[in-house]
Protein backbone atom coordinates (compact mmCIF):
# COMPACT_ATOMS: atom_id res chain seq x y z
CA MET A 1 20.51 18.40 -8.56
CA PRO A 2 20.25 17.20 -12.16
CA SER A 3 18.44 19.25 -14.75
CA PRO A 4 14.70 18.61 -15.12
CA ILE A 5 13.75 15.67 -17.31
CA PRO A 6 11.97 16.73 -20.52
CA VAL A 7 8.18 16.48 -20.32
CA THR A 8 8.14 14.19 -23.36
CA ARG A 9 9.83 11.49 -21.31
CA LEU A 10 7.47 11.63 -18.37
CA GLN A 11 4.11 10.31 -19.55
CA PRO A 12 2.58 6.86 -18.88
CA LYS A 13 2.85 4.58 -21.90
CA ASP A 14 -0.80 3.63 -22.09
CA ILE A 15 -1.79 7.32 -22.22
CA TYR A 16 1.11 8.41 -24.42
CA PRO A 17 2.17 5.16 -26.15
CA SER A 18 4.64 6.80 -28.54
CA LEU A 19 6.87 8.32 -25.88
CA GLU A 20 10.10 6.92 -24.47
CA PHE A 21 10.87 6.68 -20.80
CA GLY A 22 13.75 7.04 -18.39
CA THR A 23 13.85 6.19 -14.70
CA CYS A 24 12.58 8.00 -11.62
CA SER A 25 13.05 8.28 -7.89
CA SER A 26 12.51 10.79 -5.09
CA PRO A 27 12.90 13.53 -4.06
CA LEU A 28 10.30 15.78 -5.62
CA THR A 29 11.35 19.39 -5.97
CA LYS A 30 8.90 22.25 -5.96
CA SER A 31 9.12 24.30 -9.12
CA CYS A 32 6.20 25.51 -11.23
CA PHE A 33 2.94 24.18 -12.62
CA GLY A 34 4.54 23.00 -15.85
CA SER A 35 7.42 20.95 -14.44
CA THR A 36 7.03 20.41 -10.72
CA LEU A 37 9.45 17.62 -9.94
CA GLN A 38 13.13 17.14 -10.50
CA VAL A 39 14.00 13.46 -10.52
CA PRO A 40 17.53 12.07 -10.30
CA VAL A 41 18.37 9.08 -12.47
CA GLN A 42 18.48 5.78 -10.58
CA ARG A 43 19.95 2.51 -11.83
CA PHE A 44 18.72 -0.97 -10.98
CA HIS A 45 21.06 -3.97 -11.38
CA GLY A 46 23.30 -2.14 -13.85
CA ARG A 47 20.62 -0.88 -16.22
CA VAL A 48 18.20 2.00 -16.36
CA ALA A 49 14.70 0.97 -15.29
CA SER A 50 11.58 1.98 -17.22
CA ARG A 51 9.81 5.17 -16.25
CA LEU A 52 6.22 4.42 -15.39
CA TRP A 53 4.96 7.71 -14.01
CA SER A 54 4.93 11.39 -14.83
CA THR A 55 6.05 14.49 -12.97
CA VAL A 56 3.47 16.56 -14.82
CA ILE A 57 -0.31 16.71 -14.45
CA HIS A 58 -2.12 18.51 -17.26
CA TRP A 59 -4.85 20.05 -15.14
CA LYS A 60 -6.96 21.25 -18.07
CA GLU A 61 -7.37 17.63 -19.17
CA LEU A 62 -9.19 16.64 -15.96
CA ARG A 63 -12.93 16.09 -16.41
CA SER A 64 -15.87 15.07 -14.23
CA VAL A 65 -14.04 15.26 -10.89
CA GLN A 66 -16.18 13.58 -8.21
CA PRO A 67 -15.33 12.93 -4.54
CA VAL A 68 -14.93 9.27 -3.58
CA GLY A 69 -13.71 9.36 0.02
CA SER A 70 -11.34 10.97 2.51
CA GLY A 71 -8.94 9.88 5.22
CA GLY A 72 -6.44 11.18 7.72
CA PHE A 73 -3.98 12.48 5.14
CA GLY A 74 -6.14 13.42 2.19
CA SER A 75 -9.11 13.04 -0.12
CA VAL A 76 -9.67 10.84 -3.17
CA TYR A 77 -11.62 11.79 -6.29
CA LYS A 78 -12.71 9.96 -9.42
CA ALA A 79 -12.07 11.80 -12.69
CA GLU A 80 -11.40 11.48 -16.39
CA TYR A 81 -7.90 12.33 -17.54
CA LEU A 82 -7.02 12.31 -21.22
CA GLY A 83 -10.00 10.03 -21.77
CA LYS A 84 -8.96 7.59 -19.04
CA LEU A 85 -10.76 6.96 -15.74
CA VAL A 86 -8.37 7.81 -12.91
CA ALA A 87 -8.26 8.41 -9.16
CA LEU A 88 -6.98 11.77 -7.93
CA LYS A 89 -5.56 11.83 -4.41
CA LYS A 90 -4.93 15.16 -2.71
CA VAL A 91 -2.58 14.87 0.25
CA LYS A 92 -3.41 17.53 2.80
CA LYS A 93 -1.32 19.25 5.43
CA CYS A 94 -1.98 17.94 8.90
CA THR A 95 -2.06 20.94 11.22
CA LYS A 96 -1.01 18.79 14.19
CA ASN A 97 1.83 17.01 12.39
CA LYS A 98 2.98 18.76 9.23
CA LEU A 99 6.13 16.63 9.00
CA ALA A 100 4.11 13.41 9.00
CA SER A 101 1.83 14.63 6.23
CA ARG A 102 4.80 15.67 4.06
CA GLN A 103 6.48 12.31 4.65
CA SER A 104 3.22 10.57 3.81
CA PHE A 105 3.16 12.28 0.41
CA TRP A 106 6.72 11.19 -0.38
CA ALA A 107 5.96 7.69 0.85
CA GLU A 108 3.05 7.41 -1.57
CA LEU A 109 5.60 7.55 -4.38
CA ASN A 110 7.68 4.60 -3.16
CA SER A 111 5.66 2.43 -5.54
CA ALA A 112 5.53 4.95 -8.40
CA HIS A 113 8.28 3.27 -10.41
CA LEU A 114 6.67 -0.16 -10.01
CA ARG A 115 4.01 -1.81 -12.13
CA HIS A 116 2.16 -4.98 -11.12
CA ARG A 117 -1.41 -6.24 -11.50
CA ASN A 118 -1.84 -6.39 -7.70
CA ILE A 119 -0.54 -2.87 -6.97
CA VAL A 120 -2.40 0.36 -7.69
CA ARG A 121 -0.50 2.15 -10.43
CA VAL A 122 0.68 5.75 -10.11
CA PHE A 123 0.39 7.81 -13.30
CA ALA A 124 1.62 11.21 -12.12
CA ALA A 125 2.40 13.32 -9.05
CA THR A 126 3.01 16.99 -8.36
CA THR A 127 3.68 19.27 -5.41
CA CYS A 128 2.20 22.33 -7.11
CA VAL A 129 -1.52 22.63 -7.70
CA PRO A 130 -3.25 25.50 -9.54
CA PRO A 131 -5.72 27.49 -7.40
CA ASP A 132 -8.67 26.13 -9.38
CA PHE A 133 -7.81 22.56 -8.36
CA GLY A 134 -6.42 22.86 -4.86
CA ASP A 135 -6.24 24.90 -1.70
CA GLU A 136 -3.67 25.98 0.84
CA SER A 137 -4.14 22.79 2.85
CA SER A 138 -2.89 20.61 0.00
CA ILE A 139 0.71 19.37 -0.04
CA GLY A 140 0.50 17.62 -3.38
CA THR A 141 -1.62 15.56 -5.74
CA ILE A 142 -1.18 12.01 -7.01
CA LEU A 143 -2.87 10.68 -10.14
CA MET A 144 -3.50 6.90 -10.01
CA GLU A 145 -5.44 4.22 -11.79
CA PHE A 146 -9.07 4.02 -10.72
CA VAL A 147 -9.61 0.48 -9.46
CA GLY A 148 -13.22 0.73 -8.36
CA ASP A 149 -15.46 1.60 -5.45
CA ARG A 150 -14.83 -1.52 -3.34
CA ASN A 151 -12.17 -2.53 -0.88
CA LEU A 152 -11.73 -5.68 1.21
CA GLN A 153 -12.99 -3.94 4.33
CA GLN A 154 -16.36 -3.40 2.65
CA ILE A 155 -16.46 -6.93 1.26
CA ILE A 156 -15.62 -8.53 4.61
CA TYR A 157 -17.94 -6.49 6.80
CA GLY A 158 -20.44 -4.80 4.51
CA CYS A 159 -21.65 -7.56 2.20
CA VAL A 160 -24.36 -10.07 3.08
CA GLU A 161 -23.15 -12.53 0.44
CA PRO A 162 -20.97 -15.38 1.75
CA LEU A 163 -17.21 -15.13 1.41
CA GLU A 164 -16.44 -18.66 0.26
CA THR A 165 -13.08 -20.31 0.92
CA ASP A 166 -11.92 -20.26 -2.69
CA ARG A 167 -12.71 -16.55 -2.89
CA TRP A 168 -10.81 -15.45 0.22
CA LEU A 169 -7.92 -17.68 -0.84
CA LYS A 170 -7.84 -15.90 -4.19
CA TYR A 171 -7.89 -12.51 -2.45
CA SER A 172 -5.09 -13.65 -0.13
CA ALA A 173 -2.97 -14.85 -3.04
CA ASP A 174 -3.47 -11.51 -4.81
CA ILE A 175 -2.20 -9.65 -1.75
CA VAL A 176 0.81 -11.94 -1.38
CA HIS A 177 1.71 -11.62 -5.07
CA GLY A 178 1.63 -7.85 -4.63
CA LEU A 179 3.75 -8.03 -1.48
CA ARG A 180 6.27 -10.34 -3.13
CA PHE A 181 6.74 -7.81 -5.93
CA LEU A 182 7.06 -4.88 -3.51
CA HIS A 183 9.52 -6.72 -1.29
CA SER A 184 11.61 -7.77 -4.30
CA HIS A 185 12.03 -4.03 -4.95
CA SER A 186 12.85 -3.30 -1.28
CA VAL A 187 9.54 -1.51 -0.64
CA VAL A 188 7.80 -2.25 2.67
CA HIS A 189 4.14 -1.16 2.78
CA LEU A 190 3.70 -1.04 6.60
CA ASP A 191 -0.09 -0.58 6.50
CA ILE A 192 -1.52 -3.78 5.02
CA LYS A 193 -5.15 -4.11 6.09
CA PRO A 194 -8.49 -4.78 4.33
CA ALA A 195 -9.28 -1.07 3.86
CA ASN A 196 -6.02 -0.62 1.93
CA VAL A 197 -6.71 -3.43 -0.54
CA LEU A 198 -8.92 -2.32 -3.42
CA VAL A 199 -10.96 -4.84 -5.42
CA SER A 200 -11.53 -4.26 -9.13
CA SER A 201 -14.63 -5.07 -11.17
CA GLU A 202 -12.73 -8.19 -12.31
CA ASP A 203 -12.40 -9.23 -8.63
CA ILE A 204 -8.64 -8.56 -8.58
CA CYS A 205 -7.09 -7.22 -5.38
CA LYS A 206 -4.69 -4.30 -5.64
CA ILE A 207 -2.61 -2.95 -2.76
CA ALA A 208 -3.16 0.80 -2.27
CA ASP A 209 -2.31 3.64 0.12
CA PHE A 210 1.48 3.71 0.41
CA GLY A 211 1.53 6.67 2.81
CA CYS A 212 3.24 4.60 5.53
CA SER A 213 5.65 2.76 3.22
CA LEU A 214 9.42 2.85 3.30
CA LYS A 215 12.14 2.02 0.80
CA LEU A 216 14.86 -0.16 2.33
CA GLU A 217 18.47 0.30 1.32
CA HIS A 218 19.42 -2.02 -1.53
CA GLY A 219 20.60 -5.35 -0.12
CA CYS A 220 19.46 -4.45 3.40
CA GLU A 221 16.85 -6.78 4.93
CA VAL A 222 16.38 -4.85 8.18
CA SER A 223 16.39 -1.08 8.55
CA VAL A 224 16.62 1.05 11.67
CA ILE A 225 13.62 3.35 12.07
CA SER A 226 14.80 6.94 11.87
CA PRO A 227 13.48 9.17 14.69
CA HIS A 228 12.77 11.76 11.99
CA LEU A 229 10.19 9.51 10.32
CA SER A 230 6.85 10.55 11.78
CA HIS A 231 4.63 8.57 9.41
CA VAL A 232 5.87 5.04 10.19
CA GLY A 233 3.47 2.78 12.02
CA GLY A 234 0.28 1.98 10.18
CA THR A 235 -2.95 0.85 11.81
CA TYR A 236 -2.47 -0.35 15.39
CA THR A 237 -4.58 -3.52 15.00
CA HIS A 238 -2.26 -4.74 12.23
CA ARG A 239 1.06 -3.36 13.43
CA ALA A 240 3.91 -5.81 13.97
CA PRO A 241 5.24 -6.03 17.55
CA GLU A 242 8.77 -5.05 16.51
CA LEU A 243 7.38 -1.75 15.23
CA LEU A 244 5.54 -1.24 18.50
CA ARG A 245 8.83 -1.84 20.31
CA GLY A 246 10.63 0.66 18.07
CA GLU A 247 12.99 -1.98 16.69
CA GLY A 248 14.29 -2.37 13.14
CA LEU A 249 11.74 -2.89 10.40
CA SER A 250 11.77 -5.36 7.55
CA ALA A 251 9.43 -6.90 5.00
CA LYS A 252 8.36 -9.31 7.74
CA ALA A 253 6.29 -6.48 9.25
CA ASP A 254 4.01 -6.74 6.21
CA ILE A 255 3.71 -10.50 6.76
CA PHE A 256 2.41 -9.87 10.29
CA SER A 257 -0.18 -7.43 8.93
CA PHE A 258 -1.13 -9.92 6.23
CA GLY A 259 -1.73 -12.54 8.93
CA ILE A 260 -4.24 -10.30 10.69
CA THR A 261 -5.88 -9.54 7.33
CA LEU A 262 -6.06 -13.24 6.47
CA TRP A 263 -7.77 -13.93 9.81
CA GLN A 264 -10.33 -11.23 8.97
CA LEU A 265 -10.98 -12.80 5.57
CA ILE A 266 -11.53 -16.20 7.17
CA THR A 267 -13.70 -15.13 10.10
CA ARG A 268 -15.25 -11.82 8.92
CA GLU A 269 -14.83 -10.53 12.47
CA GLN A 270 -12.90 -7.65 14.05
CA PRO A 271 -9.46 -8.77 15.27
CA TYR A 272 -9.64 -7.11 18.68
CA THR A 273 -12.07 -5.50 21.06
CA GLY A 274 -11.26 -3.18 23.90
CA ASP A 275 -9.11 -0.15 24.53
CA ARG A 276 -6.46 0.74 21.95
CA GLN A 277 -3.69 1.16 24.50
CA TYR A 278 -4.49 -2.20 26.06
CA VAL A 279 -4.28 -3.90 22.64
CA LEU A 280 -0.94 -2.24 21.88
CA TYR A 281 0.46 -3.32 25.23
CA ALA A 282 -0.93 -6.86 25.09
CA VAL A 283 0.34 -7.56 21.56
CA VAL A 284 3.89 -6.92 22.74
CA ALA A 285 3.81 -8.01 26.38
CA HIS A 286 1.34 -10.94 26.25
CA ASN A 287 1.51 -12.04 22.61
CA LEU A 288 -2.12 -11.06 22.07
CA ARG A 289 -3.47 -12.21 18.70
CA PRO A 290 -6.98 -12.63 17.20
CA SER A 291 -8.79 -15.67 18.60
CA VAL A 292 -8.44 -19.03 16.87
CA GLU A 293 -8.77 -21.39 19.84
CA ASN A 294 -12.54 -21.37 20.18
CA HIS A 295 -13.55 -20.31 16.71
CA PRO A 296 -15.56 -22.99 14.87
CA VAL A 297 -14.04 -22.23 11.46
CA PHE A 298 -10.64 -23.47 12.70
CA ARG A 299 -11.82 -26.91 13.92
CA SER A 300 -11.73 -28.73 10.58
CA GLU A 301 -8.57 -30.11 8.94
CA HIS A 302 -8.57 -27.12 6.62
CA GLY A 303 -9.05 -24.84 9.61
CA ARG A 304 -6.08 -26.39 11.41
CA LEU A 305 -3.90 -25.66 8.39
CA CYS A 306 -5.14 -22.07 8.51
CA ARG A 307 -4.28 -21.85 12.20
CA SER A 308 -0.76 -23.09 11.53
CA LEU A 309 -0.19 -20.54 8.78
CA LEU A 310 -1.61 -17.71 10.87
CA SER A 311 0.60 -18.57 13.85
CA ARG A 312 3.65 -18.38 11.60
CA CYS A 313 2.59 -15.08 10.00
CA TRP A 314 1.98 -13.31 13.28
CA SER A 315 4.89 -14.76 15.22
CA GLY A 316 6.37 -12.29 17.69
CA ASP A 317 9.78 -13.07 16.20
CA GLY A 318 9.88 -11.67 12.68
CA ARG A 319 12.62 -14.12 11.70
CA ARG A 320 10.17 -17.00 12.13
CA ARG A 321 7.60 -15.52 9.77
CA PRO A 322 7.59 -16.76 6.18
CA THR A 323 8.61 -14.46 3.39
CA SER A 324 6.01 -13.39 0.84
CA GLN A 325 7.64 -15.85 -1.57
CA GLU A 326 7.27 -18.69 0.96
CA LEU A 327 3.62 -17.83 1.62
CA LEU A 328 2.44 -18.74 -1.88
CA PRO A 329 2.91 -22.53 -1.62
CA HIS A 330 1.21 -22.44 1.79
CA LEU A 331 -1.82 -20.80 0.20
CA GLU A 332 -1.76 -23.40 -2.57
CA GLN A 333 -1.73 -26.12 0.09
CA LEU A 334 -4.82 -24.55 1.67
CA ARG A 335 -6.52 -24.51 -1.72
CA SER A 336 -5.76 -28.19 -2.28
CA HIS A 337 -7.52 -29.06 1.00
CA ILE A 338 -10.80 -27.32 0.22
């Protein structure tokens, strides 16, 4: 393992604008509260990429920590850090599947070296937490930008205001721009769904929750799923059929999930009803997809274009799905037909 990178090279530029940066990649190595991660240097296309996150959290600089929500692998808090509003995510140990929870923590950092307006930014991460800030059930903590209190799930199902066509098209384009950037860096999210897309006060969508993500080998479009990866899968209603069959995964799995999400934005309905196991079986064996045949929103010319795009996104054959790059002109075509 290389020697630890000096702390002065590990701080986000907008918090410490005078500092210089190197590059970063996994794995994290448990050490001490001061320098918790050892990060090997990684090169991209013959040059050293910019470091955009820190391996140090200065715990005494955290202020006004307030709980925001919790999920299967952890809890999220809102706080002030060095005068900046941030989100603090504590990844907890899952007593039933400790391996999956550890892998989920590492997966969260697949986007840590990336910066894009449609991706939630990671500021810092650590595997060691002082007793005053954590407990024995915590695997590690991730410090991220605080986007806001809303996600697409809440906007689709919890708001009485109409979700006009131009608005859901904008949201869709935001998601696709984020996916295009991730895929260009060989990161596959694997859990795209409305609840994992945060919406800022400026109405900008940002992809969050990378706990199911994977980093593909450079130049490799399809990767075999390792039997040792317990965290792969994502939410069953949005999971691509090739993942359900245990086949190789690619960026096209995210396109399938985006298709289900797009249908939800258009219809504001739940994609499936019925037993989970039946849905999983029917998606693979009977090509089950959310209903478009009898839905009134798909009867217009614009609706028929939407149907065509959806059918391509959620094709059972991943090779027939468009790439995230190819999706953008399709969304522009939909906008031109409003």
